[in-house]
Amino acid sequence: MMPENREPQRKFEEFAYVLENLQYGHPRDTRPLYKREPVVQAVGEDFFTLLELIPVPGAPLQAGERIAIGKWGRDKIDHVKRRIDYEDLTQNAKDELQIVVEDLVSKNEGRFVFFFNNSGPVTTRMHSLELLPGIGKKAMWQILEERKRGPFTSLADIQSRTHIADPKKIIVKRIFVEIRNEDKYYIFCKPPVKKEI
């Protein structure tokens, strides 16, 4: 379980997972092959940020591989080229993203249990728990009542005490809502940079 005193949230991803290694650049790049550079599509470990990375020449990279992209420890990535949107991903990268997000939710269960134990309202009329797909007012009140009796200890504990069918599945669905920028609220992902008009 995650401790009550969390460290201040970092602003940038330190690690990412390879979604696809595009040796000849993005398929939509219409420039001649000799002008294209290899790019790696990846998702950040902490904020689920979608990124385009420039690999170190000749670095072997596999889909699903965890790689360092922060200031220190980078050995396979030269630099982060840019942040990208879900629509920029290739179909292979989208398929891999589903696998990686499910895996990250399982590996970081404490982070999501912490959310169930500590989340609060986002407005005077809506609780952040209601941002989870399938959680309405009735389920939200049930969760709040149960956590008063004692903090949840795992996703399985949440499931057994609140009768939510599959907490992991609804967390993954919510992460994808945020990755695709389908809502104005962000509880697990870093919001997109606002584009100036």
N, C-alpha and C. Protein backbone atom coordinates (compact mmCIF):
# COMPACT_ATOMS: atom_id res chain seq x y z
N MET A 1 0.84 -1.19 0.00
CA MET A 1 0.00 0.00 0.00
C MET A 1 0.88 1.25 0.00
N MET A 2 0.43 2.28 -0.68
CA MET A 2 1.22 3.50 -0.80
C MET A 2 1.15 4.30 0.52
N PRO A 3 2.25 4.85 0.99
CA PRO A 3 2.23 5.63 2.23
C PRO A 3 1.42 6.92 2.09
N GLU A 4 0.98 7.42 3.25
CA GLU A 4 0.17 8.65 3.29
C GLU A 4 0.95 9.85 2.74
N ASN A 5 2.23 9.96 3.11
CA ASN A 5 3.04 11.11 2.66
C ASN A 5 3.69 10.75 1.34
N ARG A 6 3.11 11.18 0.27
CA ARG A 6 3.69 10.90 -1.04
C ARG A 6 4.72 11.97 -1.38
N GLU A 7 5.74 11.55 -2.12
CA GLU A 7 6.75 12.52 -2.54
C GLU A 7 6.12 13.45 -3.57
N PRO A 8 6.60 14.68 -3.68
CA PRO A 8 6.03 15.60 -4.66
C PRO A 8 6.12 15.00 -6.05
N GLN A 9 5.04 15.18 -6.80
CA GLN A 9 4.99 14.59 -8.13
C GLN A 9 6.00 15.24 -9.07
N ARG A 10 6.78 14.39 -9.74
CA ARG A 10 7.72 14.89 -10.73
C ARG A 10 6.94 15.37 -11.94
N LYS A 11 7.57 16.23 -12.74
CA LYS A 11 6.90 16.78 -13.91
C LYS A 11 7.16 15.97 -15.17
N PHE A 12 8.25 15.23 -15.19
CA PHE A 12 8.62 14.51 -16.40
C PHE A 12 8.75 13.02 -16.14
N GLU A 13 8.58 12.26 -17.20
CA GLU A 13 8.74 10.81 -17.11
C GLU A 13 10.23 10.48 -16.99
N GLU A 14 10.55 9.53 -16.14
CA GLU A 14 11.93 9.04 -16.01
C GLU A 14 12.12 7.76 -16.81
N PHE A 15 11.04 6.98 -16.90
CA PHE A 15 11.08 5.72 -17.63
C PHE A 15 9.87 5.62 -18.54
N ALA A 16 10.04 4.86 -19.61
CA ALA A 16 8.94 4.65 -20.55
C ALA A 16 9.00 3.21 -21.04
N TYR A 17 7.92 2.79 -21.65
CA TYR A 17 7.84 1.45 -22.24
C TYR A 17 7.70 1.57 -23.74
N VAL A 18 8.51 0.81 -24.45
CA VAL A 18 8.50 0.84 -25.92
C VAL A 18 7.17 0.26 -26.41
N LEU A 19 6.50 1.02 -27.27
CA LEU A 19 5.29 0.53 -27.93
C LEU A 19 5.61 0.01 -29.33
N GLU A 20 6.42 0.78 -30.05
CA GLU A 20 6.90 0.30 -31.35
C GLU A 20 8.19 1.03 -31.72
N ASN A 21 9.12 0.26 -32.28
CA ASN A 21 10.39 0.81 -32.76
C ASN A 21 10.27 0.94 -34.27
N LEU A 22 10.20 2.16 -34.76
CA LEU A 22 10.00 2.42 -36.19
C LEU A 22 11.35 2.78 -36.82
N GLN A 23 12.02 1.79 -37.37
CA GLN A 23 13.37 1.95 -37.91
C GLN A 23 13.45 3.00 -39.02
N TYR A 24 12.35 3.12 -39.78
CA TYR A 24 12.34 4.07 -40.91
C TYR A 24 11.37 5.22 -40.68
N GLY A 25 11.18 5.59 -39.43
CA GLY A 25 10.28 6.69 -39.11
C GLY A 25 8.83 6.25 -39.16
N HIS A 26 7.94 7.19 -38.90
CA HIS A 26 6.51 6.91 -38.88
C HIS A 26 6.02 6.59 -40.29
N PRO A 27 5.13 5.60 -40.44
CA PRO A 27 4.62 5.24 -41.78
C PRO A 27 3.96 6.41 -42.51
N ARG A 28 3.45 7.38 -41.76
CA ARG A 28 2.80 8.53 -42.42
C ARG A 28 3.80 9.59 -42.89
N ASP A 29 5.07 9.39 -42.57
CA ASP A 29 6.11 10.31 -43.01
C ASP A 29 6.31 10.11 -44.52
N THR A 30 6.05 11.14 -45.30
CA THR A 30 6.10 11.01 -46.77
C THR A 30 7.47 11.38 -47.36
N ARG A 31 8.41 11.75 -46.51
CA ARG A 31 9.74 12.09 -47.01
C ARG A 31 10.45 10.84 -47.54
N PRO A 32 11.42 11.02 -48.43
CA PRO A 32 12.20 9.86 -48.90
C PRO A 32 12.85 9.15 -47.70
N LEU A 33 13.06 7.85 -47.83
CA LEU A 33 13.62 7.04 -46.73
C LEU A 33 14.91 7.61 -46.18
N TYR A 34 15.80 8.10 -47.05
CA TYR A 34 17.10 8.57 -46.57
C TYR A 34 16.99 9.82 -45.71
N LYS A 35 15.84 10.51 -45.76
CA LYS A 35 15.66 11.72 -44.94
C LYS A 35 14.96 11.43 -43.61
N ARG A 36 14.45 10.23 -43.47
CA ARG A 36 13.73 9.88 -42.24
C ARG A 36 14.69 9.40 -41.16
N GLU A 37 14.31 9.62 -39.91
CA GLU A 37 15.11 9.14 -38.78
C GLU A 37 14.30 8.08 -38.03
N PRO A 38 14.99 7.10 -37.46
CA PRO A 38 14.28 6.10 -36.66
C PRO A 38 13.60 6.79 -35.47
N VAL A 39 12.41 6.36 -35.14
CA VAL A 39 11.70 6.88 -33.97
C VAL A 39 11.12 5.71 -33.18
N VAL A 40 10.96 5.95 -31.89
CA VAL A 40 10.35 4.96 -31.01
C VAL A 40 9.10 5.58 -30.42
N GLN A 41 7.97 4.88 -30.54
CA GLN A 41 6.75 5.32 -29.87
C GLN A 41 6.72 4.63 -28.51
N ALA A 42 6.45 5.41 -27.47
CA ALA A 42 6.53 4.88 -26.11
C ALA A 42 5.48 5.52 -25.21
N VAL A 43 5.24 4.89 -24.06
CA VAL A 43 4.34 5.45 -23.06
C VAL A 43 5.11 5.58 -21.75
N GLY A 44 4.95 6.73 -21.09
CA GLY A 44 5.63 6.98 -19.83
C GLY A 44 5.10 6.13 -18.70
N GLU A 45 5.99 5.80 -17.77
CA GLU A 45 5.66 4.90 -16.66
C GLU A 45 4.78 5.56 -15.60
N ASP A 46 4.97 6.84 -15.33
CA ASP A 46 4.25 7.49 -14.23
C ASP A 46 2.97 8.20 -14.65
N PHE A 47 3.01 8.91 -15.78
CA PHE A 47 1.87 9.74 -16.18
C PHE A 47 1.18 9.23 -17.44
N PHE A 48 1.63 8.08 -17.97
CA PHE A 48 1.07 7.49 -19.20
C PHE A 48 1.15 8.47 -20.38
N THR A 49 2.22 9.27 -20.39
CA THR A 49 2.43 10.23 -21.47
C THR A 49 2.88 9.50 -22.72
N LEU A 50 2.25 9.78 -23.86
CA LEU A 50 2.67 9.17 -25.12
C LEU A 50 3.78 10.02 -25.71
N LEU A 51 4.87 9.36 -26.09
CA LEU A 51 6.07 10.07 -26.52
C LEU A 51 6.66 9.49 -27.80
N GLU A 52 7.34 10.37 -28.53
CA GLU A 52 8.14 9.94 -29.66
C GLU A 52 9.59 10.17 -29.25
N LEU A 53 10.39 9.12 -29.32
CA LEU A 53 11.76 9.16 -28.85
C LEU A 53 12.72 8.90 -30.00
N ILE A 54 13.89 9.48 -29.92
CA ILE A 54 14.95 9.22 -30.91
C ILE A 54 15.95 8.27 -30.27
N PRO A 55 16.08 7.05 -30.84
CA PRO A 55 16.98 6.08 -30.23
C PRO A 55 18.45 6.37 -30.53
N VAL A 56 19.32 5.84 -29.71
CA VAL A 56 20.76 5.84 -29.99
C VAL A 56 20.95 4.93 -31.20
N PRO A 57 21.72 5.36 -32.21
CA PRO A 57 21.90 4.52 -33.40
C PRO A 57 22.34 3.10 -33.05
N GLY A 58 21.63 2.13 -33.61
CA GLY A 58 21.96 0.72 -33.41
C GLY A 58 21.49 0.11 -32.11
N ALA A 59 20.81 0.90 -31.25
CA ALA A 59 20.35 0.37 -29.96
C ALA A 59 19.23 -0.64 -30.20
N PRO A 60 19.35 -1.87 -29.65
CA PRO A 60 18.28 -2.85 -29.82
C PRO A 60 17.11 -2.51 -28.90
N LEU A 61 15.90 -2.43 -29.45
CA LEU A 61 14.72 -2.08 -28.65
C LEU A 61 13.58 -3.02 -29.00
N GLN A 62 12.92 -3.54 -27.97
CA GLN A 62 11.81 -4.47 -28.16
C GLN A 62 10.52 -3.88 -27.61
N ALA A 63 9.40 -4.20 -28.24
CA ALA A 63 8.09 -3.77 -27.74
C ALA A 63 7.92 -4.27 -26.31
N GLY A 64 7.43 -3.40 -25.43
CA GLY A 64 7.22 -3.75 -24.04
C GLY A 64 8.42 -3.53 -23.14
N GLU A 65 9.57 -3.18 -23.73
CA GLU A 65 10.80 -2.98 -22.95
C GLU A 65 10.75 -1.67 -22.17
N ARG A 66 11.20 -1.73 -20.91
CA ARG A 66 11.28 -0.53 -20.05
C ARG A 66 12.62 0.13 -20.33
N ILE A 67 12.57 1.44 -20.64
CA ILE A 67 13.79 2.17 -20.97
C ILE A 67 13.87 3.48 -20.19
N ALA A 68 15.09 3.88 -19.88
CA ALA A 68 15.31 5.16 -19.19
C ALA A 68 15.23 6.29 -20.21
N ILE A 69 14.47 7.34 -19.86
CA ILE A 69 14.37 8.50 -20.75
C ILE A 69 14.63 9.81 -20.01
N GLY A 70 14.92 9.71 -18.71
CA GLY A 70 15.19 10.91 -17.91
C GLY A 70 16.59 11.44 -18.15
N LYS A 71 17.03 12.31 -17.28
CA LYS A 71 18.35 12.94 -17.44
C LYS A 71 19.49 11.95 -17.22
N TRP A 72 19.27 10.94 -16.37
CA TRP A 72 20.33 10.00 -16.03
C TRP A 72 19.94 8.58 -16.44
N GLY A 73 20.96 7.81 -16.75
CA GLY A 73 20.75 6.39 -17.02
C GLY A 73 20.29 6.05 -18.43
N ARG A 74 20.21 7.06 -19.29
CA ARG A 74 19.78 6.78 -20.67
C ARG A 74 20.90 6.10 -21.43
N ASP A 75 20.63 4.92 -21.95
CA ASP A 75 21.66 4.26 -22.75
C ASP A 75 21.15 3.88 -24.13
N LYS A 76 19.83 3.82 -24.29
CA LYS A 76 19.27 3.44 -25.59
C LYS A 76 18.53 4.58 -26.29
N ILE A 77 18.24 5.64 -25.54
CA ILE A 77 17.50 6.77 -26.10
C ILE A 77 18.38 8.01 -26.11
N ASP A 78 18.50 8.62 -27.28
CA ASP A 78 19.28 9.85 -27.42
C ASP A 78 18.53 11.02 -26.80
N HIS A 79 17.27 11.19 -27.20
CA HIS A 79 16.46 12.27 -26.62
C HIS A 79 14.97 12.05 -26.91
N VAL A 80 14.16 12.77 -26.13
CA VAL A 80 12.72 12.77 -26.35
C VAL A 80 12.44 13.79 -27.44
N LYS A 81 11.84 13.34 -28.52
CA LYS A 81 11.57 14.25 -29.64
C LYS A 81 10.35 15.12 -29.35
N ARG A 82 9.24 14.48 -28.94
CA ARG A 82 8.02 15.25 -28.68
C ARG A 82 6.98 14.38 -28.01
N ARG A 83 5.98 15.05 -27.46
CA ARG A 83 4.81 14.38 -26.94
C ARG A 83 3.85 14.17 -28.10
N ILE A 84 3.19 13.03 -28.15
CA ILE A 84 2.26 12.75 -29.24
C ILE A 84 0.87 12.41 -28.70
N ASP A 85 -0.12 12.41 -29.59
CA ASP A 85 -1.48 12.05 -29.24
C ASP A 85 -1.74 10.59 -29.57
N TYR A 86 -2.80 10.06 -29.03
CA TYR A 86 -3.18 8.67 -29.28
C TYR A 86 -3.32 8.39 -30.77
N GLU A 87 -3.87 9.35 -31.52
CA GLU A 87 -4.08 9.17 -32.96
C GLU A 87 -2.76 9.06 -33.73
N ASP A 88 -1.67 9.54 -33.14
CA ASP A 88 -0.35 9.46 -33.80
C ASP A 88 0.26 8.06 -33.72
N LEU A 89 -0.27 7.22 -32.83
CA LEU A 89 0.28 5.88 -32.66
C LEU A 89 -0.06 5.00 -33.85
N THR A 90 0.85 4.10 -34.19
CA THR A 90 0.56 3.09 -35.20
C THR A 90 -0.40 2.08 -34.57
N GLN A 91 -1.01 1.23 -35.39
CA GLN A 91 -1.93 0.23 -34.84
C GLN A 91 -1.19 -0.74 -33.92
N ASN A 92 0.03 -1.12 -34.31
CA ASN A 92 0.84 -2.00 -33.45
C ASN A 92 1.09 -1.35 -32.09
N ALA A 93 1.39 -0.05 -32.10
CA ALA A 93 1.66 0.67 -30.86
C ALA A 93 0.40 0.73 -29.99
N LYS A 94 -0.77 0.93 -30.61
CA LYS A 94 -2.04 0.95 -29.85
C LYS A 94 -2.30 -0.40 -29.20
N ASP A 95 -2.03 -1.47 -29.94
CA ASP A 95 -2.22 -2.82 -29.38
C ASP A 95 -1.29 -3.06 -28.20
N GLU A 96 -0.04 -2.65 -28.35
CA GLU A 96 0.95 -2.82 -27.27
C GLU A 96 0.60 -1.95 -26.07
N LEU A 97 0.05 -0.76 -26.32
CA LEU A 97 -0.33 0.16 -25.25
C LEU A 97 -1.33 -0.50 -24.30
N GLN A 98 -2.29 -1.22 -24.84
CA GLN A 98 -3.29 -1.92 -24.00
C GLN A 98 -2.59 -2.88 -23.04
N ILE A 99 -1.64 -3.64 -23.56
CA ILE A 99 -0.91 -4.62 -22.75
C ILE A 99 -0.08 -3.91 -21.67
N VAL A 100 0.62 -2.84 -22.07
CA VAL A 100 1.51 -2.12 -21.14
C VAL A 100 0.71 -1.45 -20.03
N VAL A 101 -0.41 -0.80 -20.38
CA VAL A 101 -1.22 -0.12 -19.36
C VAL A 101 -1.77 -1.13 -18.35
N GLU A 102 -2.29 -2.24 -18.84
CA GLU A 102 -2.80 -3.28 -17.92
C GLU A 102 -1.70 -3.76 -16.98
N ASP A 103 -0.51 -3.95 -17.53
CA ASP A 103 0.64 -4.42 -16.75
C ASP A 103 1.05 -3.37 -15.71
N LEU A 104 1.07 -2.09 -16.11
CA LEU A 104 1.46 -1.01 -15.18
C LEU A 104 0.45 -0.87 -14.04
N VAL A 105 -0.83 -1.04 -14.33
CA VAL A 105 -1.84 -0.97 -13.27
C VAL A 105 -1.61 -2.10 -12.27
N SER A 106 -1.32 -3.30 -12.76
CA SER A 106 -1.05 -4.44 -11.87
C SER A 106 0.21 -4.21 -11.04
N LYS A 107 1.28 -3.72 -11.69
CA LYS A 107 2.56 -3.52 -10.99
C LYS A 107 2.49 -2.38 -9.97
N ASN A 108 1.63 -1.40 -10.22
CA ASN A 108 1.53 -0.22 -9.34
C ASN A 108 0.19 -0.19 -8.62
N GLU A 109 -0.26 -1.35 -8.18
CA GLU A 109 -1.57 -1.47 -7.54
C GLU A 109 -1.73 -0.48 -6.39
N GLY A 110 -0.68 -0.28 -5.61
CA GLY A 110 -0.76 0.61 -4.45
C GLY A 110 -1.17 2.02 -4.81
N ARG A 111 -0.70 2.50 -5.97
CA ARG A 111 -1.06 3.86 -6.42
C ARG A 111 -2.57 3.99 -6.61
N PHE A 112 -3.19 2.96 -7.15
CA PHE A 112 -4.62 3.03 -7.46
C PHE A 112 -5.47 2.74 -6.22
N VAL A 113 -4.95 1.90 -5.34
CA VAL A 113 -5.62 1.68 -4.05
C VAL A 113 -5.60 2.99 -3.25
N PHE A 114 -4.46 3.70 -3.31
CA PHE A 114 -4.34 5.01 -2.65
C PHE A 114 -5.43 5.95 -3.16
N PHE A 115 -5.67 5.94 -4.48
CA PHE A 115 -6.71 6.79 -5.06
C PHE A 115 -8.07 6.45 -4.44
N PHE A 116 -8.41 5.18 -4.36
CA PHE A 116 -9.70 4.78 -3.78
C PHE A 116 -9.80 5.19 -2.32
N ASN A 117 -8.68 5.15 -1.60
CA ASN A 117 -8.68 5.49 -0.17
C ASN A 117 -8.68 6.99 0.11
N ASN A 118 -8.17 7.80 -0.82
CA ASN A 118 -7.93 9.21 -0.51
C ASN A 118 -8.57 10.22 -1.46
N SER A 119 -9.19 9.76 -2.53
CA SER A 119 -9.74 10.70 -3.51
C SER A 119 -10.84 11.56 -2.90
N GLY A 120 -10.96 12.77 -3.43
CA GLY A 120 -11.98 13.70 -2.94
C GLY A 120 -12.81 14.25 -4.08
N PRO A 121 -13.64 15.24 -3.78
CA PRO A 121 -14.50 15.81 -4.83
C PRO A 121 -13.69 16.63 -5.84
N VAL A 122 -14.18 16.65 -7.09
CA VAL A 122 -13.57 17.51 -8.10
C VAL A 122 -14.37 18.80 -8.26
N THR A 123 -15.65 18.73 -7.96
CA THR A 123 -16.51 19.91 -7.94
C THR A 123 -17.48 19.73 -6.77
N THR A 124 -18.33 20.72 -6.54
CA THR A 124 -19.31 20.60 -5.44
C THR A 124 -20.35 19.53 -5.75
N ARG A 125 -20.49 19.15 -7.01
CA ARG A 125 -21.50 18.15 -7.40
C ARG A 125 -20.94 16.82 -7.82
N MET A 126 -19.62 16.72 -7.93
CA MET A 126 -19.05 15.47 -8.44
C MET A 126 -17.79 15.06 -7.68
N HIS A 127 -17.74 13.78 -7.32
CA HIS A 127 -16.58 13.21 -6.65
C HIS A 127 -15.67 12.60 -7.70
N SER A 128 -14.36 12.61 -7.44
CA SER A 128 -13.43 12.05 -8.44
C SER A 128 -13.65 10.57 -8.68
N LEU A 129 -14.22 9.86 -7.70
CA LEU A 129 -14.55 8.43 -7.92
C LEU A 129 -15.54 8.26 -9.08
N GLU A 130 -16.41 9.27 -9.27
CA GLU A 130 -17.41 9.19 -10.34
C GLU A 130 -16.80 9.34 -11.73
N LEU A 131 -15.53 9.71 -11.80
CA LEU A 131 -14.85 9.78 -13.09
C LEU A 131 -14.49 8.39 -13.61
N LEU A 132 -14.53 7.41 -12.72
CA LEU A 132 -14.25 6.03 -13.13
C LEU A 132 -15.45 5.46 -13.88
N PRO A 133 -15.25 4.84 -15.04
CA PRO A 133 -16.36 4.28 -15.81
C PRO A 133 -17.17 3.29 -14.98
N GLY A 134 -18.49 3.47 -14.98
CA GLY A 134 -19.38 2.56 -14.26
C GLY A 134 -19.60 2.91 -12.80
N ILE A 135 -18.93 3.94 -12.29
CA ILE A 135 -19.12 4.35 -10.89
C ILE A 135 -20.08 5.55 -10.86
N GLY A 136 -21.29 5.29 -10.42
CA GLY A 136 -22.28 6.36 -10.27
C GLY A 136 -22.35 6.78 -8.81
N LYS A 137 -23.40 7.53 -8.48
CA LYS A 137 -23.55 8.04 -7.10
C LYS A 137 -23.66 6.90 -6.09
N LYS A 138 -24.46 5.87 -6.42
CA LYS A 138 -24.67 4.76 -5.48
C LYS A 138 -23.36 4.05 -5.16
N ALA A 139 -22.60 3.69 -6.20
CA ALA A 139 -21.32 3.00 -6.00
C ALA A 139 -20.32 3.91 -5.28
N MET A 140 -20.33 5.21 -5.62
CA MET A 140 -19.42 6.16 -4.98
C MET A 140 -19.69 6.21 -3.47
N TRP A 141 -20.97 6.30 -3.08
CA TRP A 141 -21.30 6.35 -1.64
C TRP A 141 -20.91 5.05 -0.95
N GLN A 142 -21.06 3.94 -1.64
CA GLN A 142 -20.68 2.64 -1.06
C GLN A 142 -19.17 2.60 -0.80
N ILE A 143 -18.39 3.10 -1.75
CA ILE A 143 -16.93 3.14 -1.58
C ILE A 143 -16.56 4.04 -0.40
N LEU A 144 -17.18 5.22 -0.33
CA LEU A 144 -16.87 6.17 0.75
C LEU A 144 -17.23 5.59 2.12
N GLU A 145 -18.37 4.88 2.20
CA GLU A 145 -18.78 4.26 3.46
C GLU A 145 -17.80 3.16 3.87
N GLU A 146 -17.39 2.35 2.90
CA GLU A 146 -16.48 1.25 3.18
C GLU A 146 -15.11 1.76 3.63
N ARG A 147 -14.63 2.83 3.01
CA ARG A 147 -13.29 3.30 3.40
C ARG A 147 -13.30 3.96 4.77
N LYS A 148 -14.49 4.40 5.25
CA LYS A 148 -14.59 4.91 6.62
C LYS A 148 -14.36 3.78 7.62
N ARG A 149 -14.77 2.56 7.24
CA ARG A 149 -14.61 1.40 8.12
C ARG A 149 -13.14 0.97 8.21
N GLY A 150 -12.37 1.36 7.21
CA GLY A 150 -10.95 1.00 7.18
C GLY A 150 -10.44 1.12 5.76
N PRO A 151 -9.16 1.50 5.60
CA PRO A 151 -8.64 1.68 4.25
C PRO A 151 -8.64 0.37 3.47
N PHE A 152 -8.81 0.50 2.16
CA PHE A 152 -8.70 -0.67 1.29
C PHE A 152 -7.24 -1.08 1.22
N THR A 153 -7.00 -2.37 1.10
CA THR A 153 -5.62 -2.87 1.09
C THR A 153 -5.17 -3.35 -0.28
N SER A 154 -6.11 -3.60 -1.19
CA SER A 154 -5.77 -4.08 -2.52
C SER A 154 -6.97 -3.89 -3.44
N LEU A 155 -6.76 -4.09 -4.73
CA LEU A 155 -7.89 -4.02 -5.68
C LEU A 155 -8.88 -5.14 -5.40
N ALA A 156 -8.37 -6.31 -4.99
CA ALA A 156 -9.26 -7.43 -4.64
C ALA A 156 -10.11 -7.08 -3.42
N ASP A 157 -9.52 -6.36 -2.46
CA ASP A 157 -10.25 -5.92 -1.27
C ASP A 157 -11.36 -4.94 -1.66
N ILE A 158 -11.05 -4.03 -2.58
CA ILE A 158 -12.06 -3.08 -3.08
C ILE A 158 -13.21 -3.85 -3.73
N GLN A 159 -12.86 -4.84 -4.53
CA GLN A 159 -13.87 -5.63 -5.24
C GLN A 159 -14.78 -6.37 -4.25
N SER A 160 -14.19 -6.99 -3.24
CA SER A 160 -15.00 -7.78 -2.31
C SER A 160 -15.85 -6.91 -1.38
N ARG A 161 -15.35 -5.74 -1.01
CA ARG A 161 -16.09 -4.89 -0.06
C ARG A 161 -17.11 -3.96 -0.72
N THR A 162 -16.94 -3.69 -2.01
CA THR A 162 -17.86 -2.74 -2.66
C THR A 162 -18.69 -3.37 -3.78
N HIS A 163 -18.36 -4.60 -4.14
CA HIS A 163 -19.06 -5.32 -5.22
C HIS A 163 -18.86 -4.66 -6.58
N ILE A 164 -17.78 -3.88 -6.74
CA ILE A 164 -17.40 -3.38 -8.07
C ILE A 164 -16.85 -4.59 -8.81
N ALA A 165 -17.37 -4.85 -9.99
CA ALA A 165 -17.04 -6.08 -10.71
C ALA A 165 -15.53 -6.28 -10.91
N ASP A 166 -14.83 -5.27 -11.40
CA ASP A 166 -13.40 -5.43 -11.69
C ASP A 166 -12.71 -4.06 -11.60
N PRO A 167 -12.21 -3.69 -10.41
CA PRO A 167 -11.58 -2.37 -10.25
C PRO A 167 -10.43 -2.13 -11.23
N LYS A 168 -9.62 -3.15 -11.50
CA LYS A 168 -8.50 -2.98 -12.43
C LYS A 168 -9.02 -2.58 -13.81
N LYS A 169 -10.06 -3.24 -14.27
CA LYS A 169 -10.61 -2.98 -15.60
C LYS A 169 -11.13 -1.54 -15.70
N ILE A 170 -11.80 -1.04 -14.65
CA ILE A 170 -12.33 0.33 -14.73
C ILE A 170 -11.21 1.37 -14.65
N ILE A 171 -10.13 1.04 -13.93
CA ILE A 171 -8.97 1.94 -13.88
C ILE A 171 -8.33 2.02 -15.26
N VAL A 172 -8.14 0.87 -15.90
CA VAL A 172 -7.55 0.84 -17.25
C VAL A 172 -8.44 1.63 -18.22
N LYS A 173 -9.75 1.44 -18.13
CA LYS A 173 -10.67 2.20 -19.01
C LYS A 173 -10.52 3.69 -18.79
N ARG A 174 -10.41 4.10 -17.53
CA ARG A 174 -10.27 5.54 -17.22
C ARG A 174 -8.95 6.09 -17.76
N ILE A 175 -7.88 5.31 -17.64
CA ILE A 175 -6.58 5.76 -18.16
C ILE A 175 -6.69 5.99 -19.66
N PHE A 176 -7.39 5.11 -20.36
CA PHE A 176 -7.54 5.29 -21.81
C PHE A 176 -8.41 6.49 -22.15
N VAL A 177 -9.41 6.80 -21.34
CA VAL A 177 -10.20 8.01 -21.53
C VAL A 177 -9.27 9.23 -21.49
N GLU A 178 -8.35 9.21 -20.53
CA GLU A 178 -7.42 10.34 -20.36
C GLU A 178 -6.35 10.36 -21.45
N ILE A 179 -5.83 9.19 -21.82
CA ILE A 179 -4.83 9.12 -22.88
C ILE A 179 -5.41 9.68 -24.18
N ARG A 180 -6.69 9.38 -24.44
CA ARG A 180 -7.33 9.84 -25.68
C ARG A 180 -7.87 11.27 -25.55
N ASN A 181 -7.67 11.90 -24.39
CA ASN A 181 -8.15 13.28 -24.14
C ASN A 181 -9.65 13.41 -24.35
N GLU A 182 -10.41 12.44 -23.81
CA GLU A 182 -11.87 12.42 -23.98
C GLU A 182 -12.62 13.08 -22.83
N ASP A 183 -11.90 13.62 -21.86
CA ASP A 183 -12.53 14.27 -20.71
C ASP A 183 -11.65 15.43 -20.28
N LYS A 184 -12.25 16.40 -19.61
CA LYS A 184 -11.45 17.56 -19.17
C LYS A 184 -10.74 17.30 -17.84
N TYR A 185 -11.10 16.23 -17.16
CA TYR A 185 -10.46 15.92 -15.88
C TYR A 185 -9.40 14.84 -16.07
N TYR A 186 -8.29 15.00 -15.34
CA TYR A 186 -7.19 14.04 -15.40
C TYR A 186 -6.83 13.62 -13.98
N ILE A 187 -7.03 12.33 -13.69
CA ILE A 187 -6.71 11.84 -12.35
C ILE A 187 -5.50 10.90 -12.35
N PHE A 188 -5.20 10.28 -13.49
CA PHE A 188 -4.07 9.36 -13.58
C PHE A 188 -3.01 9.79 -14.59
N CYS A 189 -3.39 10.57 -15.58
CA CYS A 189 -2.48 10.98 -16.64
C CYS A 189 -2.16 12.47 -16.55
N LYS A 190 -1.07 12.83 -17.20
CA LYS A 190 -0.70 14.25 -17.28
C LYS A 190 -1.57 14.91 -18.35
N PRO A 191 -2.23 16.03 -18.03
CA PRO A 191 -3.06 16.69 -19.04
C PRO A 191 -2.23 17.13 -20.25
N PRO A 192 -2.88 17.20 -21.42
CA PRO A 192 -2.14 17.65 -22.60
C PRO A 192 -1.78 19.12 -22.49
N VAL A 193 -0.76 19.50 -23.22
CA VAL A 193 -0.38 20.91 -23.26
C VAL A 193 -1.46 21.66 -24.04
N LYS A 194 -1.93 22.76 -23.48
CA LYS A 194 -2.97 23.53 -24.17
C LYS A 194 -2.39 24.20 -25.40
N LYS A 195 -3.07 23.98 -26.50
CA LYS A 195 -2.59 24.58 -27.75
C LYS A 195 -3.16 26.00 -27.87
N GLU A 196 -2.26 26.92 -28.20
CA GLU A 196 -2.70 28.31 -28.34
C GLU A 196 -3.43 28.50 -29.67
N ILE A 197 -4.47 29.30 -29.60
CA ILE A 197 -5.29 29.55 -30.80
C ILE A 197 -4.74 30.73 -31.57
